[in-house]
């Protein structure tokens, strides 16, 4: 059943959807760290492994970046990340 909603000027529905989807893997990661099972989260074992591997790769890439910068602090969250991550 479709329920129409009132439009709000300056708010893009697409932008809202992208923001929700962008944070989905982080949500899954946090809950896996809290010892929720993939079944409890409604995801497959393979997707849970994908999220864990993705996080490990990001951590490794960040450590290499910090080492390359001579131990400087972590770059801001807006730093570019390869498209496959």
N, C-alpha and C. Protein backbone atom coordinates (compact mmCIF):
# COMPACT_ATOMS: atom_id res chain seq x y z
N UNK A 1 0.85 -1.16 0.00
CA UNK A 1 0.00 0.00 0.00
C UNK A 1 0.90 1.24 0.00
N UNK A 2 0.61 2.16 -0.88
CA UNK A 2 1.38 3.39 -1.01
C UNK A 2 0.71 4.51 -0.24
N UNK A 3 1.47 5.19 0.61
CA UNK A 3 0.96 6.34 1.34
C UNK A 3 1.72 7.57 0.87
N UNK A 4 1.05 8.51 0.24
CA UNK A 4 1.74 9.71 -0.21
C UNK A 4 2.17 10.56 0.99
N UNK A 5 3.28 11.23 0.82
CA UNK A 5 3.78 12.09 1.87
C UNK A 5 3.89 13.51 1.35
N UNK A 6 3.90 14.45 2.27
CA UNK A 6 4.05 15.85 1.88
C UNK A 6 5.51 16.12 1.55
N UNK A 7 5.74 16.86 0.50
CA UNK A 7 7.10 17.21 0.09
C UNK A 7 7.62 18.35 0.95
N UNK A 8 8.91 18.32 1.21
CA UNK A 8 9.57 19.39 1.93
C UNK A 8 10.59 20.01 0.99
N UNK A 9 10.50 21.32 0.82
CA UNK A 9 11.43 21.99 -0.07
C UNK A 9 12.86 21.84 0.45
N UNK A 10 13.78 21.55 -0.47
CA UNK A 10 15.19 21.44 -0.12
C UNK A 10 15.60 20.09 0.42
N UNK A 11 14.68 19.13 0.54
CA UNK A 11 15.02 17.80 1.03
C UNK A 11 14.82 16.81 -0.10
N UNK A 12 15.90 16.17 -0.49
CA UNK A 12 15.86 15.20 -1.57
C UNK A 12 15.64 13.80 -1.01
N UNK A 13 14.64 13.11 -1.51
CA UNK A 13 14.37 11.75 -1.08
C UNK A 13 15.55 10.86 -1.42
N UNK A 14 16.13 11.06 -2.58
CA UNK A 14 17.29 10.26 -2.99
C UNK A 14 18.46 10.45 -2.03
N UNK A 15 18.69 11.68 -1.60
CA UNK A 15 19.78 11.93 -0.64
C UNK A 15 19.53 11.21 0.68
N UNK A 16 18.29 11.19 1.13
CA UNK A 16 17.97 10.49 2.38
C UNK A 16 18.22 8.99 2.25
N UNK A 17 17.81 8.42 1.13
CA UNK A 17 18.00 6.99 0.90
C UNK A 17 19.49 6.65 0.85
N UNK A 18 20.27 7.47 0.17
CA UNK A 18 21.71 7.25 0.09
C UNK A 18 22.35 7.31 1.46
N UNK A 19 21.93 8.26 2.30
CA UNK A 19 22.49 8.37 3.65
C UNK A 19 22.18 7.13 4.48
N UNK A 20 20.98 6.59 4.34
CA UNK A 20 20.60 5.39 5.09
C UNK A 20 21.42 4.20 4.60
N UNK A 21 21.52 4.02 3.29
CA UNK A 21 22.24 2.89 2.75
C UNK A 21 23.74 2.99 3.01
N UNK A 22 24.29 4.17 3.02
CA UNK A 22 25.72 4.36 3.26
C UNK A 22 26.09 3.87 4.66
N UNK A 23 25.22 4.04 5.62
CA UNK A 23 25.51 3.63 6.99
C UNK A 23 25.14 2.20 7.31
N UNK A 24 24.61 1.46 6.35
CA UNK A 24 24.12 0.11 6.61
C UNK A 24 25.25 -0.84 7.02
N UNK A 25 26.36 -0.82 6.29
CA UNK A 25 27.47 -1.72 6.63
C UNK A 25 28.03 -1.40 8.01
N UNK A 26 28.09 -0.13 8.36
CA UNK A 26 28.57 0.26 9.69
C UNK A 26 27.62 -0.27 10.77
N UNK A 27 26.32 -0.20 10.51
CA UNK A 27 25.31 -0.73 11.43
C UNK A 27 25.51 -2.24 11.62
N UNK A 28 25.70 -2.95 10.51
CA UNK A 28 25.92 -4.39 10.57
C UNK A 28 27.19 -4.69 11.35
N UNK A 29 28.28 -3.95 11.07
CA UNK A 29 29.56 -4.16 11.75
C UNK A 29 29.42 -3.97 13.26
N UNK A 30 28.76 -2.89 13.66
CA UNK A 30 28.60 -2.62 15.11
C UNK A 30 27.84 -3.75 15.78
N UNK A 31 26.80 -4.24 15.14
CA UNK A 31 26.00 -5.30 15.75
C UNK A 31 26.73 -6.64 15.75
N UNK A 32 27.53 -6.91 14.74
CA UNK A 32 28.34 -8.13 14.76
C UNK A 32 29.36 -8.06 15.90
N UNK A 33 29.89 -6.86 16.16
CA UNK A 33 30.83 -6.68 17.27
C UNK A 33 30.14 -6.88 18.61
N UNK A 34 28.84 -6.63 18.67
CA UNK A 34 28.07 -6.83 19.90
C UNK A 34 27.62 -8.29 20.06
N UNK A 35 28.15 -9.15 19.17
CA UNK A 35 27.89 -10.60 19.21
C UNK A 35 26.50 -11.01 18.73
N UNK A 36 25.84 -10.15 17.93
CA UNK A 36 24.63 -10.58 17.27
C UNK A 36 25.01 -11.52 16.15
N UNK A 37 24.20 -12.51 15.89
CA UNK A 37 24.49 -13.44 14.80
C UNK A 37 23.93 -12.88 13.49
N UNK A 38 24.50 -13.31 12.37
CA UNK A 38 23.94 -12.87 11.09
C UNK A 38 22.45 -13.20 10.95
N UNK A 39 22.05 -14.33 11.50
CA UNK A 39 20.63 -14.71 11.43
C UNK A 39 19.75 -13.71 12.18
N UNK A 40 20.24 -13.24 13.33
CA UNK A 40 19.48 -12.26 14.11
C UNK A 40 19.39 -10.93 13.37
N UNK A 41 20.40 -10.62 12.55
CA UNK A 41 20.41 -9.37 11.79
C UNK A 41 19.70 -9.52 10.45
N UNK A 42 19.34 -10.74 10.10
CA UNK A 42 18.63 -10.97 8.84
C UNK A 42 19.54 -10.89 7.62
N UNK A 43 20.81 -11.27 7.80
CA UNK A 43 21.76 -11.26 6.69
C UNK A 43 22.38 -12.65 6.55
N UNK A 44 23.00 -12.90 5.42
CA UNK A 44 23.64 -14.20 5.21
C UNK A 44 25.02 -14.23 5.87
N UNK A 45 25.54 -15.43 6.06
CA UNK A 45 26.89 -15.59 6.59
C UNK A 45 27.90 -14.94 5.66
N UNK A 46 27.66 -15.05 4.36
CA UNK A 46 28.58 -14.48 3.37
C UNK A 46 28.62 -12.96 3.47
N UNK A 47 27.46 -12.34 3.67
CA UNK A 47 27.44 -10.88 3.78
C UNK A 47 28.12 -10.43 5.07
N UNK A 48 27.94 -11.19 6.14
CA UNK A 48 28.61 -10.86 7.40
C UNK A 48 30.12 -10.95 7.21
N UNK A 49 30.60 -11.97 6.50
CA UNK A 49 32.02 -12.09 6.22
C UNK A 49 32.50 -10.94 5.35
N UNK A 50 31.70 -10.54 4.36
CA UNK A 50 32.05 -9.41 3.49
C UNK A 50 32.23 -8.14 4.31
N UNK A 51 31.32 -7.88 5.24
CA UNK A 51 31.40 -6.67 6.08
C UNK A 51 32.65 -6.71 6.94
N UNK A 52 32.96 -7.88 7.51
CA UNK A 52 34.16 -8.01 8.34
C UNK A 52 35.43 -7.80 7.52
N UNK A 53 35.48 -8.40 6.33
CA UNK A 53 36.65 -8.24 5.47
C UNK A 53 36.81 -6.81 5.00
N UNK A 54 35.70 -6.17 4.69
CA UNK A 54 35.74 -4.78 4.25
C UNK A 54 36.31 -3.90 5.35
N UNK A 55 35.88 -4.13 6.58
CA UNK A 55 36.36 -3.35 7.71
C UNK A 55 37.85 -3.60 7.95
N UNK A 56 38.27 -4.87 7.84
CA UNK A 56 39.67 -5.21 8.02
C UNK A 56 40.53 -4.53 6.97
N UNK A 57 40.05 -4.51 5.72
CA UNK A 57 40.79 -3.87 4.64
C UNK A 57 40.93 -2.37 4.90
N UNK A 58 39.85 -1.74 5.35
CA UNK A 58 39.90 -0.31 5.65
C UNK A 58 40.90 -0.03 6.77
N UNK A 59 40.90 -0.87 7.80
CA UNK A 59 41.84 -0.68 8.91
C UNK A 59 43.28 -0.84 8.44
N UNK A 60 43.52 -1.84 7.60
CA UNK A 60 44.87 -2.06 7.07
C UNK A 60 45.29 -0.89 6.19
N UNK A 61 44.41 -0.42 5.34
CA UNK A 61 44.72 0.71 4.47
C UNK A 61 45.01 1.95 5.30
N UNK A 62 44.27 2.16 6.37
CA UNK A 62 44.49 3.32 7.23
C UNK A 62 45.84 3.22 7.95
N UNK A 63 46.19 2.03 8.42
CA UNK A 63 47.49 1.84 9.08
C UNK A 63 48.63 2.12 8.11
N UNK A 64 48.49 1.68 6.87
CA UNK A 64 49.54 1.92 5.87
C UNK A 64 49.63 3.42 5.56
N UNK A 65 48.49 4.09 5.52
CA UNK A 65 48.48 5.52 5.26
C UNK A 65 49.18 6.27 6.39
N UNK A 66 48.87 5.90 7.62
CA UNK A 66 49.48 6.55 8.78
C UNK A 66 50.99 6.30 8.76
N UNK A 67 51.40 5.08 8.45
CA UNK A 67 52.82 4.77 8.40
C UNK A 67 53.51 5.57 7.29
N UNK A 68 52.85 5.72 6.15
CA UNK A 68 53.42 6.46 5.03
C UNK A 68 53.54 7.95 5.36
N UNK A 69 52.68 8.45 6.24
CA UNK A 69 52.71 9.86 6.63
C UNK A 69 53.63 10.08 7.83
N UNK A 70 54.35 9.06 8.21
CA UNK A 70 55.29 9.19 9.33
C UNK A 70 54.60 9.19 10.68
N UNK A 71 53.49 8.45 10.79
CA UNK A 71 52.79 8.34 12.07
C UNK A 71 51.87 9.50 12.37
N UNK A 72 51.51 10.26 11.34
CA UNK A 72 50.59 11.39 11.55
C UNK A 72 49.19 10.85 11.87
N UNK A 73 48.34 11.68 12.43
CA UNK A 73 47.01 11.22 12.80
C UNK A 73 46.18 10.78 11.59
N UNK A 74 45.12 10.07 11.90
CA UNK A 74 44.22 9.52 10.90
C UNK A 74 43.62 10.63 10.03
N UNK A 75 43.46 10.38 8.71
CA UNK A 75 42.86 11.40 7.84
C UNK A 75 41.38 11.59 8.17
N UNK A 76 40.78 12.69 7.75
CA UNK A 76 39.37 12.92 8.04
C UNK A 76 38.49 11.88 7.37
N UNK A 77 37.27 11.72 7.88
CA UNK A 77 36.32 10.74 7.36
C UNK A 77 36.00 10.97 5.89
N UNK A 78 36.18 12.18 5.41
CA UNK A 78 35.84 12.50 4.03
C UNK A 78 36.93 12.07 3.05
N UNK A 79 37.98 11.41 3.54
CA UNK A 79 39.06 10.99 2.66
C UNK A 79 38.53 10.03 1.61
N UNK A 80 39.08 10.12 0.42
CA UNK A 80 38.64 9.25 -0.68
C UNK A 80 39.02 7.82 -0.38
N UNK A 81 38.10 6.90 -0.69
CA UNK A 81 38.31 5.48 -0.52
C UNK A 81 38.01 4.83 -1.86
N UNK A 82 38.76 3.81 -2.28
CA UNK A 82 38.47 3.17 -3.56
C UNK A 82 37.00 2.77 -3.66
N UNK A 83 36.46 2.79 -4.87
CA UNK A 83 35.03 2.56 -5.07
C UNK A 83 34.57 1.18 -4.64
N UNK A 84 35.46 0.18 -4.58
CA UNK A 84 35.04 -1.18 -4.24
C UNK A 84 34.98 -1.42 -2.74
N UNK A 85 35.29 -0.42 -1.95
CA UNK A 85 35.26 -0.60 -0.49
C UNK A 85 33.95 -0.06 0.06
